[in-house]
PDB file of N, CA and C in Angstrom:
ATOM      1  N   MET A   1      52.981  15.405  52.253  1.00  0.00           N
ATOM      2  CA  MET A   1      52.737  15.838  51.061  1.00  0.00           C
ATOM      3  C   MET A   1      52.703  17.365  50.607  1.00  0.00           C
ATOM      4  N   GLN A   2      52.561  17.952  51.707  1.00  0.00           N
ATOM      5  CA  GLN A   2      52.502  19.600  51.606  1.00  0.00           C
ATOM      6  C   GLN A   2      53.921  20.157  51.117  1.00  0.00           C
ATOM      7  N   ASN A   3      54.911  19.378  51.319  1.00  0.00           N
ATOM      8  CA  ASN A   3      56.430  19.713  51.159  1.00  0.00           C
ATOM      9  C   ASN A   3      56.410  19.642  49.772  1.00  0.00           C
ATOM     10  N   GLY A   4      56.090  18.430  49.194  1.00  0.00           N
ATOM     11  CA  GLY A   4      56.347  18.328  47.860  1.00  0.00           C
ATOM     12  C   GLY A   4      55.623  19.246  46.936  1.00  0.00           C
ATOM     13  N   LEU A   5      54.393  19.799  47.342  1.00  0.00           N
ATOM     14  CA  LEU A   5      53.517  21.013  46.495  1.00  0.00           C
ATOM     15  C   LEU A   5      54.400  21.854  46.619  1.00  0.00           C
ATOM     16  N   CYS A   6      54.809  22.333  47.662  1.00  0.00           N
ATOM     17  CA  CYS A   6      55.622  23.525  47.921  1.00  0.00           C
ATOM     18  C   CYS A   6      56.799  23.584  47.137  1.00  0.00           C
ATOM     19  N   GLY A   7      57.620  22.517  47.281  1.00  0.00           N
ATOM     20  CA  GLY A   7      58.710  22.711  46.204  1.00  0.00           C
ATOM     21  C   GLY A   7      58.359  22.699  44.769  1.00  0.00           C
ATOM     22  N   THR A   8      57.713  21.723  44.323  1.00  0.00           N
ATOM     23  CA  THR A   8      57.162  22.107  42.965  1.00  0.00           C
ATOM     24  C   THR A   8      56.854  23.462  42.589  1.00  0.00           C
ATOM     25  N   ALA A   9      55.927  24.255  43.390  1.00  0.00           N
ATOM     26  CA  ALA A   9      55.465  25.697  43.174  1.00  0.00           C
ATOM     27  C   ALA A   9      56.767  26.602  43.170  1.00  0.00           C
ATOM     28  N   LYS A  10      57.386  26.100  44.019  1.00  0.00           N
ATOM     29  CA  LYS A  10      58.798  26.987  44.102  1.00  0.00           C
ATOM     30  C   LYS A  10      59.737  26.749  42.754  1.00  0.00           C
ATOM     31  N   PHE A  11      59.657  25.352  42.210  1.00  0.00           N
ATOM     32  CA  PHE A  11      60.302  25.335  41.018  1.00  0.00           C
ATOM     33  C   PHE A  11      59.946  26.063  40.018  1.00  0.00           C
ATOM     34  N   ILE A  12      58.516  26.190  39.981  1.00  0.00           N
ATOM     35  CA  ILE A  12      57.986  26.682  38.723  1.00  0.00           C
ATOM     36  C   ILE A  12      57.843  27.987  38.796  1.00  0.00           C
ATOM     37  N   VAL A  13      57.826  28.615  39.966  1.00  0.00           N
ATOM     38  CA  VAL A  13      58.303  30.097  40.051  1.00  0.00           C
ATOM     39  C   VAL A  13      59.536  30.449  39.725  1.00  0.00           C
ATOM     40  N   GLY A  14      60.542  29.713  40.321  1.00  0.00           N
ATOM     41  CA  GLY A  14      62.239  29.928  39.651  1.00  0.00           C
ATOM     42  C   GLY A  14      61.950  29.708  38.308  1.00  0.00           C
ATOM     43  N   LEU A  15      61.297  28.561  38.075  1.00  0.00           N
ATOM     44  CA  LEU A  15      61.786  28.479  36.322  1.00  0.00           C
ATOM     45  C   LEU A  15      61.071  29.522  35.376  1.00  0.00           C
ATOM     46  N   ALA A  16      59.742  30.173  35.771  1.00  0.00           N
ATOM     47  CA  ALA A  16      59.367  31.306  35.197  1.00  0.00           C
ATOM     48  C   ALA A  16      60.239  32.389  35.484  1.00  0.00           C
ATOM     49  N   ALA A  17      60.550  32.768  36.533  1.00  0.00           N
ATOM     50  CA  ALA A  17      61.562  33.914  36.491  1.00  0.00           C
ATOM     51  C   ALA A  17      62.966  33.783  35.841  1.00  0.00           C
ATOM     52  N   GLY A  18      63.535  32.453  35.636  1.00  0.00           N
ATOM     53  CA  GLY A  18      64.522  32.208  34.784  1.00  0.00           C
ATOM     54  C   GLY A  18      64.074  32.723  33.371  1.00  0.00           C
ATOM     55  N   MET A  19      63.125  32.010  32.975  1.00  0.00           N
ATOM     56  CA  MET A  19      62.740  32.382  31.631  1.00  0.00           C
ATOM     57  C   MET A  19      62.497  33.872  31.336  1.00  0.00           C
ATOM     58  N   ALA A  20      62.135  34.495  32.267  1.00  0.00           N
ATOM     59  CA  ALA A  20      61.685  36.099  32.070  1.00  0.00           C
ATOM     60  C   ALA A  20      63.191  36.790  32.074  1.00  0.00           C
ATOM     61  N   ALA A  21      63.921  36.477  32.961  1.00  0.00           N
ATOM     62  CA  ALA A  21      65.402  36.784  32.831  1.00  0.00           C
ATOM     63  C   ALA A  21      66.212  36.533  31.597  1.00  0.00           C
ATOM     64  N   GLY A  22      65.934  35.688  31.282  1.00  0.00           N
ATOM     65  CA  GLY A  22      66.476  35.285  29.814  1.00  0.00           C
ATOM     66  C   GLY A  22      65.859  35.916  28.520  1.00  0.00           C
ATOM     67  N   PHE A  23      64.754  36.305  28.446  1.00  0.00           N
ATOM     68  CA  PHE A  23      64.052  37.010  27.661  1.00  0.00           C
ATOM     69  C   PHE A  23      64.435  38.137  27.840  1.00  0.00           C
ATOM     70  N   ALA A  24      64.791  38.786  28.690  1.00  0.00           N
ATOM     71  CA  ALA A  24      65.155  40.459  29.066  1.00  0.00           C
ATOM     72  C   ALA A  24      66.658  40.417  28.792  1.00  0.00           C
ATOM     73  N   VAL A  25      67.216  39.703  28.979  1.00  0.00           N
ATOM     74  CA  VAL A  25      68.811  39.891  28.383  1.00  0.00           C
ATOM     75  C   VAL A  25      68.803  39.571  26.815  1.00  0.00           C
ATOM     76  N   GLY A  26      67.966  38.593  26.548  1.00  0.00           N
ATOM     77  CA  GLY A  26      68.379  38.488  25.019  1.00  0.00           C
ATOM     78  C   GLY A  26      67.862  39.574  24.467  1.00  0.00           C
ATOM     79  N   VAL A  27      66.884  40.106  24.687  1.00  0.00           N
ATOM     80  CA  VAL A  27      66.145  41.469  24.125  1.00  0.00           C
ATOM     81  C   VAL A  27      67.144  42.708  24.061  1.00  0.00           C
ATOM     82  N   THR A  28      67.734  42.443  25.227  1.00  0.00           N
ATOM     83  CA  THR A  28      68.943  43.605  25.300  1.00  0.00           C
ATOM     84  C   THR A  28      70.099  43.579  24.556  1.00  0.00           C
ATOM     85  N   MET A  29      70.591  42.233  24.167  1.00  0.00           N
ATOM     86  CA  MET A  29      71.663  41.982  23.484  1.00  0.00           C
ATOM     87  C   MET A  29      71.340  41.969  22.060  1.00  0.00           C
ATOM     88  N   ALA A  30      70.351  41.714  21.537  1.00  0.00           N
ATOM     89  CA  ALA A  30      69.846  41.576  20.343  1.00  0.00           C
ATOM     90  C   ALA A  30      70.420  42.555  19.248  1.00  0.00           C
ATOM     91  N   PRO A  31      70.969  42.143  18.508  1.00  0.00           N
ATOM     92  CA  PRO A  31      71.502  43.451  17.339  1.00  0.00           C
ATOM     93  C   PRO A  31      70.591  44.031  16.896  1.00  0.00           C
ATOM     94  N   SER A  32      70.953  45.237  16.460  1.00  0.00           N
ATOM     95  CA  SER A  32      69.993  46.593  16.047  1.00  0.00           C
ATOM     96  C   SER A  32      69.302  46.274  14.471  1.00  0.00           C
ATOM     97  N   GLN A  33      68.359  47.122  14.272  1.00  0.00           N
ATOM     98  CA  GLN A  33      67.962  46.545  12.627  1.00  0.00           C
ATOM     99  C   GLN A  33      69.164  46.976  12.115  1.00  0.00           C
ATOM    100  N   ARG A  34      69.660  47.731  11.939  1.00  0.00           N
ATOM    101  CA  ARG A  34      70.963  48.931  11.176  1.00  0.00           C
ATOM    102  C   ARG A  34      72.027  47.480  11.095  1.00  0.00           C
ATOM    103  N   GLN A  35      72.492  46.656  12.172  1.00  0.00           N
ATOM    104  CA  GLN A  35      73.448  45.919  12.083  1.00  0.00           C
ATOM    105  C   GLN A  35      72.648  44.673  11.268  1.00  0.00           C
ATOM    106  N   LEU A  36      71.663  44.267  11.252  1.00  0.00           N
ATOM    107  CA  LEU A  36      71.328  42.920  10.543  1.00  0.00           C
ATOM    108  C   LEU A  36      71.123  43.383   9.371  1.00  0.00           C
ATOM    109  N   LYS A  37      70.469  44.731   8.661  1.00  0.00           N
ATOM    110  CA  LYS A  37      70.452  44.906   7.518  1.00  0.00           C
ATOM    111  C   LYS A  37      72.038  44.941   7.001  1.00  0.00           C
ATOM    112  N   ARG A  38      73.238  45.413   7.238  1.00  0.00           N
ATOM    113  CA  ARG A  38      74.149  45.477   7.171  1.00  0.00           C
ATOM    114  C   ARG A  38      74.999  43.988   7.019  1.00  0.00           C
ATOM    115  N   ALA A  39      74.714  43.054   7.835  1.00  0.00           N
ATOM    116  CA  ALA A  39      75.093  41.996   7.589  1.00  0.00           C
ATOM    117  C   ALA A  39      74.821  41.163   6.612  1.00  0.00           C
ATOM    118  N   ALA A  40      73.294  41.421   6.354  1.00  0.00           N
ATOM    119  CA  ALA A  40      72.456  40.915   5.358  1.00  0.00           C
ATOM    120  C   ALA A  40      73.397  41.187   3.833  1.00  0.00           C
ATOM    121  N   HIS A  41      73.239  42.560   3.790  1.00  0.00           N
ATOM    122  CA  HIS A  41      73.903  43.141   2.694  1.00  0.00           C
ATOM    123  C   HIS A  41      75.313  42.502   2.355  1.00  0.00           C
ATOM    124  N   GLN A  42      76.082  42.401   3.292  1.00  0.00           N
ATOM    125  CA  GLN A  42      77.444  42.027   3.095  1.00  0.00           C
ATOM    126  C   GLN A  42      77.322  40.424   2.779  1.00  0.00           C
ATOM    127  N   ALA A  43      76.342  39.671   3.420  1.00  0.00           N
ATOM    128  CA  ALA A  43      76.238  38.212   2.880  1.00  0.00           C
ATOM    129  C   ALA A  43      75.997  38.093   1.473  1.00  0.00           C
ATOM    130  N   ALA A  44      75.011  39.005   1.044  1.00  0.00           N
ATOM    131  CA  ALA A  44      74.425  39.024  -0.391  1.00  0.00           C
ATOM    132  C   ALA A  44      75.758  39.442  -1.322  1.00  0.00           C
ATOM    133  N   LYS A  45      76.616  40.447  -0.867  1.00  0.00           N
ATOM    134  CA  LYS A  45      77.503  40.358  -1.912  1.00  0.00           C
ATOM    135  C   LYS A  45      78.450  39.495  -1.998  1.00  0.00           C
ATOM    136  N   ARG A  46      78.825  38.572  -0.682  1.00  0.00           N
ATOM    137  CA  ARG A  46      79.609  37.449  -0.644  1.00  0.00           C
ATOM    138  C   ARG A  46      79.172  36.355  -1.788  1.00  0.00           C
ATOM    139  N   VAL A  47      77.858  36.450  -1.519  1.00  0.00           N
ATOM    140  CA  VAL A  47      77.134  35.234  -2.478  1.00  0.00           C
ATOM    141  C   VAL A  47      77.205  35.582  -3.969  1.00  0.00           C
ATOM    142  N   ASN A  48      76.912  37.183  -4.351  1.00  0.00           N
ATOM    143  CA  ASN A  48      77.110  37.299  -5.739  1.00  0.00           C
ATOM    144  C   ASN A  48      79.098  37.241  -6.080  1.00  0.00           C
ATOM    145  N   GLN A  49      79.614  37.322  -5.115  1.00  0.00           N
ATOM    146  CA  GLN A  49      81.192  37.506  -5.525  1.00  0.00           C
ATOM    147  C   GLN A  49      81.327  35.739  -5.884  1.00  0.00           C
ATOM    148  N   MET A  50      80.805  35.215  -5.065  1.00  0.00           N
ATOM    149  CA  MET A  50      80.931  33.614  -5.422  1.00  0.00           C
ATOM    150  C   MET A  50      80.417  33.014  -6.407  1.00  0.00           C
ATOM    151  N   VAL A  51      79.318  33.454  -6.829  1.00  0.00           N
ATOM    152  CA  VAL A  51      78.429  33.035  -8.231  1.00  0.00           C
ATOM    153  C   VAL A  51      79.401  33.678  -9.259  1.00  0.00           C
ATOM    154  N   GLU A  52      80.115  34.659  -9.424  1.00  0.00           N
ATOM    155  CA  GLU A  52      80.615  35.193 -10.137  1.00  0.00           C
ATOM    156  C   GLU A  52      82.108  34.503 -10.353  1.00  0.00           C
ATOM    157  N   ASP A  53      82.587  34.147  -9.135  1.00  0.00           N
ATOM    158  CA  ASP A  53      83.830  33.416  -9.396  1.00  0.00           C
ATOM    159  C   ASP A  53      83.544  31.918 -10.052  1.00  0.00           C
ATOM    160  N   LEU A  54      82.363  31.260  -9.382  1.00  0.00           N
ATOM    161  CA  LEU A  54      81.878  29.814  -9.885  1.00  0.00           C
ATOM    162  C   LEU A  54      81.742  30.194 -11.533  1.00  0.00           C
ATOM    163  N   THR A  55      81.026  30.947 -11.963  1.00  0.00           N
ATOM    164  CA  THR A  55      81.013  31.047 -13.459  1.00  0.00           C
ATOM    165  C   THR A  55      82.092  31.396 -13.954  1.00  0.00           C
ATOM    166  N   ASP A  56      82.864  32.057 -13.634  1.00  0.00           N
ATOM    167  CA  ASP A  56      84.427  32.414 -14.245  1.00  0.00           C
ATOM    168  C   ASP A  56      85.043  31.081 -14.357  1.00  0.00           C
ATOM    169  N   ALA A  57      84.906  30.140 -13.157  1.00  0.00           N
ATOM    170  CA  ALA A  57      85.930  28.983 -13.513  1.00  0.00           C
ATOM    171  C   ALA A  57      85.071  27.823 -14.327  1.00  0.00           C
ATOM    172  N   ILE A  58      83.641  27.900 -14.462  1.00  0.00           N
ATOM    173  CA  ILE A  58      83.146  26.958 -15.352  1.00  0.00           C
ATOM    174  C   ILE A  58      83.378  27.435 -16.948  1.00  0.00           C
ATOM    175  N   ASP A  59      83.730  28.716 -17.114  1.00  0.00           N
ATOM    176  CA  ASP A  59      83.809  29.189 -18.313  1.00  0.00           C
ATOM    177  C   ASP A  59      85.103  28.856 -19.003  1.00  0.00           C
ATOM    178  N   LEU A  60      86.269  28.203 -18.020  1.00  0.00           N
ATOM    179  CA  LEU A  60      87.307  27.883 -18.523  1.00  0.00           C
ATOM    180  C   LEU A  60      87.601  26.899 -19.445  1.00  0.00           C
TER     181      LEU A  60
END
């Protein structure tokens, strides 16, 4: 039974190490605040343009 507990402990340690590594990579790859603001601004512009196009089409 000793072997089973050791294997489980190794699995849990490996799982935790993998989660920590994934978190570290995710944090370093995350877009900057400026990129997020720019993307949000562009999306808002597109939505406004689509609303204008829709209102123009309805006015036909």
